[in-house]
Amino acid sequence: MPNIASAKKNMRKSRAAQVRNRAQRSTLRTALKKARAENAPPEAMAVAVTLLDRAARKGLVHPNAAARRKSRMAKAAKKAAA
């Protein structure tokens, strides 16, 4: 346990960020699973894309990882439609 005030504050901040990140990552994963599901509505993919963009912008996932996932989802949706 830190003794210095700034270290205590950093610990509080990192805990809060950890909780926030965990919740956002869970929401993102759930949306991705719903978008990948059989006969998923187009709205599910739109929600997943929005969450991926937001996660990349906030630093939750790497921007290239978000782009890769969006690309693969679009490719799968195109294949399913054909």
N, C-alpha and C. Protein backbone atom coordinates (compact mmCIF):
# COMPACT_ATOMS: atom_id res chain seq x y z
N MET A 1 0.85 -1.18 0.00
CA MET A 1 0.00 0.00 0.00
C MET A 1 0.89 1.24 0.00
N PRO A 2 0.62 2.18 -0.90
CA PRO A 2 1.49 3.36 -0.98
C PRO A 2 1.30 4.29 0.22
N ASN A 3 2.35 5.03 0.53
CA ASN A 3 2.30 6.01 1.62
C ASN A 3 2.19 7.43 1.09
N ILE A 4 2.66 7.66 -0.13
CA ILE A 4 2.68 9.00 -0.71
C ILE A 4 1.30 9.32 -1.27
N ALA A 5 0.86 10.54 -1.04
CA ALA A 5 -0.50 10.95 -1.42
C ALA A 5 -0.75 10.79 -2.92
N SER A 6 0.22 11.19 -3.73
CA SER A 6 0.01 11.09 -5.18
C SER A 6 -0.07 9.63 -5.62
N ALA A 7 0.69 8.76 -4.95
CA ALA A 7 0.64 7.33 -5.28
C ALA A 7 -0.71 6.74 -4.89
N LYS A 8 -1.26 7.21 -3.75
CA LYS A 8 -2.59 6.75 -3.34
C LYS A 8 -3.65 7.17 -4.35
N LYS A 9 -3.52 8.42 -4.81
CA LYS A 9 -4.48 8.93 -5.79
C LYS A 9 -4.36 8.14 -7.10
N ASN A 10 -3.14 7.88 -7.54
CA ASN A 10 -2.95 7.10 -8.76
C ASN A 10 -3.56 5.72 -8.63
N MET A 11 -3.46 5.14 -7.45
CA MET A 11 -4.03 3.82 -7.21
C MET A 11 -5.56 3.88 -7.33
N ARG A 12 -6.16 4.92 -6.74
CA ARG A 12 -7.62 5.08 -6.85
C ARG A 12 -8.03 5.26 -8.31
N LYS A 13 -7.29 6.10 -9.03
CA LYS A 13 -7.61 6.35 -10.43
C LYS A 13 -7.49 5.08 -11.28
N SER A 14 -6.44 4.31 -11.02
CA SER A 14 -6.25 3.10 -11.83
C SER A 14 -7.32 2.06 -11.53
N ARG A 15 -7.76 1.99 -10.27
CA ARG A 15 -8.85 1.07 -9.93
C ARG A 15 -10.14 1.47 -10.63
N ALA A 16 -10.43 2.77 -10.62
CA ALA A 16 -11.65 3.25 -11.27
C ALA A 16 -11.59 2.98 -12.77
N ALA A 17 -10.43 3.21 -13.37
CA ALA A 17 -10.28 2.96 -14.81
C ALA A 17 -10.41 1.47 -15.11
N GLN A 18 -9.88 0.63 -14.23
CA GLN A 18 -9.96 -0.81 -14.43
C GLN A 18 -11.41 -1.28 -14.44
N VAL A 19 -12.20 -0.77 -13.50
CA VAL A 19 -13.62 -1.14 -13.43
C VAL A 19 -14.34 -0.66 -14.68
N ARG A 20 -14.08 0.58 -15.07
CA ARG A 20 -14.72 1.16 -16.25
C ARG A 20 -14.34 0.38 -17.52
N ASN A 21 -13.06 0.08 -17.66
CA ASN A 21 -12.59 -0.66 -18.84
C ASN A 21 -13.19 -2.06 -18.90
N ARG A 22 -13.29 -2.71 -17.75
CA ARG A 22 -13.85 -4.06 -17.72
C ARG A 22 -15.30 -4.04 -18.19
N ALA A 23 -16.06 -3.07 -17.73
CA ALA A 23 -17.47 -2.96 -18.13
C ALA A 23 -17.58 -2.68 -19.63
N GLN A 24 -16.78 -1.77 -20.13
CA GLN A 24 -16.84 -1.44 -21.56
C GLN A 24 -16.40 -2.62 -22.42
N ARG A 25 -15.37 -3.35 -21.98
CA ARG A 25 -14.89 -4.50 -22.73
C ARG A 25 -15.95 -5.59 -22.76
N SER A 26 -16.64 -5.79 -21.64
CA SER A 26 -17.70 -6.78 -21.58
C SER A 26 -18.85 -6.42 -22.52
N THR A 27 -19.23 -5.15 -22.52
CA THR A 27 -20.30 -4.69 -23.41
C THR A 27 -19.91 -4.90 -24.87
N LEU A 28 -18.66 -4.58 -25.18
CA LEU A 28 -18.16 -4.74 -26.54
C LEU A 28 -18.18 -6.21 -26.97
N ARG A 29 -17.70 -7.09 -26.11
CA ARG A 29 -17.68 -8.52 -26.43
C ARG A 29 -19.08 -9.06 -26.65
N THR A 30 -20.03 -8.65 -25.81
CA THR A 30 -21.41 -9.10 -25.95
C THR A 30 -21.98 -8.64 -27.29
N ALA A 31 -21.72 -7.39 -27.64
CA ALA A 31 -22.22 -6.85 -28.92
C ALA A 31 -21.61 -7.60 -30.10
N LEU A 32 -20.33 -7.93 -30.00
CA LEU A 32 -19.66 -8.66 -31.08
C LEU A 32 -20.27 -10.07 -31.23
N LYS A 33 -20.56 -10.72 -30.11
CA LYS A 33 -21.16 -12.05 -30.17
C LYS A 33 -22.55 -12.00 -30.80
N LYS A 34 -23.33 -10.96 -30.43
CA LYS A 34 -24.67 -10.82 -31.00
C LYS A 34 -24.59 -10.55 -32.50
N ALA A 35 -23.61 -9.76 -32.93
CA ALA A 35 -23.46 -9.44 -34.35
C ALA A 35 -23.01 -10.66 -35.14
N ARG A 36 -22.22 -11.53 -34.51
CA ARG A 36 -21.71 -12.73 -35.20
C ARG A 36 -22.73 -13.87 -35.23
N ALA A 37 -23.77 -13.78 -34.43
CA ALA A 37 -24.74 -14.87 -34.31
C ALA A 37 -25.45 -15.12 -35.63
N GLU A 38 -25.96 -16.34 -35.75
CA GLU A 38 -26.75 -16.69 -36.93
C GLU A 38 -27.96 -15.77 -37.03
N ASN A 39 -28.35 -15.44 -38.23
CA ASN A 39 -29.47 -14.55 -38.55
C ASN A 39 -29.57 -13.34 -37.60
N ALA A 40 -28.44 -12.68 -37.37
CA ALA A 40 -28.41 -11.48 -36.54
C ALA A 40 -28.96 -10.30 -37.36
N PRO A 41 -29.73 -9.43 -36.72
CA PRO A 41 -30.26 -8.28 -37.46
C PRO A 41 -29.15 -7.29 -37.79
N PRO A 42 -29.34 -6.48 -38.83
CA PRO A 42 -28.32 -5.49 -39.20
C PRO A 42 -28.04 -4.48 -38.09
N GLU A 43 -29.04 -4.25 -37.23
CA GLU A 43 -28.84 -3.31 -36.13
C GLU A 43 -27.77 -3.80 -35.17
N ALA A 44 -27.67 -5.13 -35.01
CA ALA A 44 -26.66 -5.69 -34.12
C ALA A 44 -25.26 -5.39 -34.63
N MET A 45 -25.08 -5.46 -35.94
CA MET A 45 -23.77 -5.14 -36.51
C MET A 45 -23.47 -3.65 -36.38
N ALA A 46 -24.49 -2.82 -36.55
CA ALA A 46 -24.29 -1.37 -36.41
C ALA A 46 -23.88 -1.01 -35.00
N VAL A 47 -24.50 -1.65 -34.01
CA VAL A 47 -24.14 -1.40 -32.61
C VAL A 47 -22.71 -1.85 -32.35
N ALA A 48 -22.35 -3.02 -32.86
CA ALA A 48 -21.00 -3.53 -32.66
C ALA A 48 -19.95 -2.62 -33.29
N VAL A 49 -20.24 -2.12 -34.49
CA VAL A 49 -19.30 -1.22 -35.17
C VAL A 49 -19.13 0.07 -34.37
N THR A 50 -20.22 0.60 -33.87
CA THR A 50 -20.17 1.83 -33.07
C THR A 50 -19.32 1.61 -31.81
N LEU A 51 -19.56 0.50 -31.14
CA LEU A 51 -18.80 0.20 -29.92
C LEU A 51 -17.32 -0.03 -30.22
N LEU A 52 -17.04 -0.68 -31.34
CA LEU A 52 -15.64 -0.88 -31.73
C LEU A 52 -14.94 0.45 -32.00
N ASP A 53 -15.63 1.33 -32.72
CA ASP A 53 -15.05 2.65 -33.00
C ASP A 53 -14.77 3.41 -31.71
N ARG A 54 -15.73 3.36 -30.80
CA ARG A 54 -15.57 4.07 -29.53
C ARG A 54 -14.43 3.47 -28.71
N ALA A 55 -14.35 2.13 -28.68
CA ALA A 55 -13.29 1.47 -27.92
C ALA A 55 -11.92 1.81 -28.49
N ALA A 56 -11.82 1.90 -29.80
CA ALA A 56 -10.54 2.26 -30.43
C ALA A 56 -10.19 3.71 -30.11
N ARG A 57 -11.17 4.58 -30.15
CA ARG A 57 -10.93 5.99 -29.87
C ARG A 57 -10.50 6.21 -28.42
N LYS A 58 -11.07 5.43 -27.50
CA LYS A 58 -10.77 5.59 -26.08
C LYS A 58 -9.52 4.82 -25.66
N GLY A 59 -8.98 3.99 -26.56
CA GLY A 59 -7.78 3.24 -26.22
C GLY A 59 -8.05 1.90 -25.57
N LEU A 60 -9.28 1.45 -25.61
CA LEU A 60 -9.63 0.16 -25.01
C LEU A 60 -9.10 -0.99 -25.87
N VAL A 61 -9.18 -0.82 -27.18
CA VAL A 61 -8.58 -1.77 -28.11
C VAL A 61 -7.73 -0.98 -29.10
N HIS A 62 -6.79 -1.64 -29.70
CA HIS A 62 -5.92 -0.99 -30.69
C HIS A 62 -6.75 -0.64 -31.93
N PRO A 63 -6.52 0.52 -32.51
CA PRO A 63 -7.30 0.91 -33.70
C PRO A 63 -7.23 -0.11 -34.84
N ASN A 64 -6.08 -0.73 -35.04
CA ASN A 64 -5.96 -1.73 -36.10
C ASN A 64 -6.79 -2.97 -35.76
N ALA A 65 -6.84 -3.32 -34.49
CA ALA A 65 -7.65 -4.48 -34.07
C ALA A 65 -9.13 -4.20 -34.32
N ALA A 66 -9.56 -2.98 -34.02
CA ALA A 66 -10.95 -2.60 -34.27
C ALA A 66 -11.26 -2.66 -35.77
N ALA A 67 -10.36 -2.13 -36.58
CA ALA A 67 -10.55 -2.15 -38.02
C ALA A 67 -10.61 -3.59 -38.55
N ARG A 68 -9.75 -4.44 -38.02
CA ARG A 68 -9.72 -5.84 -38.46
C ARG A 68 -11.03 -6.53 -38.11
N ARG A 69 -11.54 -6.30 -36.91
CA ARG A 69 -12.79 -6.94 -36.50
C ARG A 69 -13.96 -6.44 -37.34
N LYS A 70 -13.99 -5.13 -37.60
CA LYS A 70 -15.06 -4.57 -38.44
C LYS A 70 -15.00 -5.16 -39.84
N SER A 71 -13.81 -5.30 -40.38
CA SER A 71 -13.65 -5.85 -41.72
C SER A 71 -14.14 -7.29 -41.78
N ARG A 72 -13.77 -8.07 -40.79
CA ARG A 72 -14.19 -9.47 -40.76
C ARG A 72 -15.69 -9.61 -40.59
N MET A 73 -16.30 -8.74 -39.77
CA MET A 73 -17.75 -8.77 -39.60
C MET A 73 -18.45 -8.43 -40.91
N ALA A 74 -17.94 -7.41 -41.61
CA ALA A 74 -18.54 -6.99 -42.88
C ALA A 74 -18.41 -8.10 -43.91
N LYS A 75 -17.27 -8.75 -43.92
CA LYS A 75 -17.05 -9.85 -44.86
C LYS A 75 -18.00 -11.01 -44.57
N ALA A 76 -18.19 -11.33 -43.31
CA ALA A 76 -19.10 -12.41 -42.92
C ALA A 76 -20.54 -12.05 -43.25
N ALA A 77 -20.91 -10.79 -43.04
CA ALA A 77 -22.28 -10.36 -43.34
C ALA A 77 -22.54 -10.42 -44.84
N LYS A 78 -21.55 -10.03 -45.63
CA LYS A 78 -21.69 -10.07 -47.08
C LYS A 78 -21.83 -11.51 -47.56
N LYS A 79 -21.03 -12.40 -46.96
CA LYS A 79 -21.08 -13.81 -47.32
C LYS A 79 -22.44 -14.43 -46.94
N ALA A 80 -22.97 -14.04 -45.78
CA ALA A 80 -24.24 -14.57 -45.33
C ALA A 80 -25.39 -14.07 -46.20
N ALA A 81 -25.27 -12.83 -46.69
CA ALA A 81 -26.32 -12.26 -47.53
C ALA A 81 -26.36 -12.90 -48.91
N ALA A 82 -25.22 -13.37 -49.37
CA ALA A 82 -25.15 -13.95 -50.71
C ALA A 82 -25.63 -15.38 -50.77
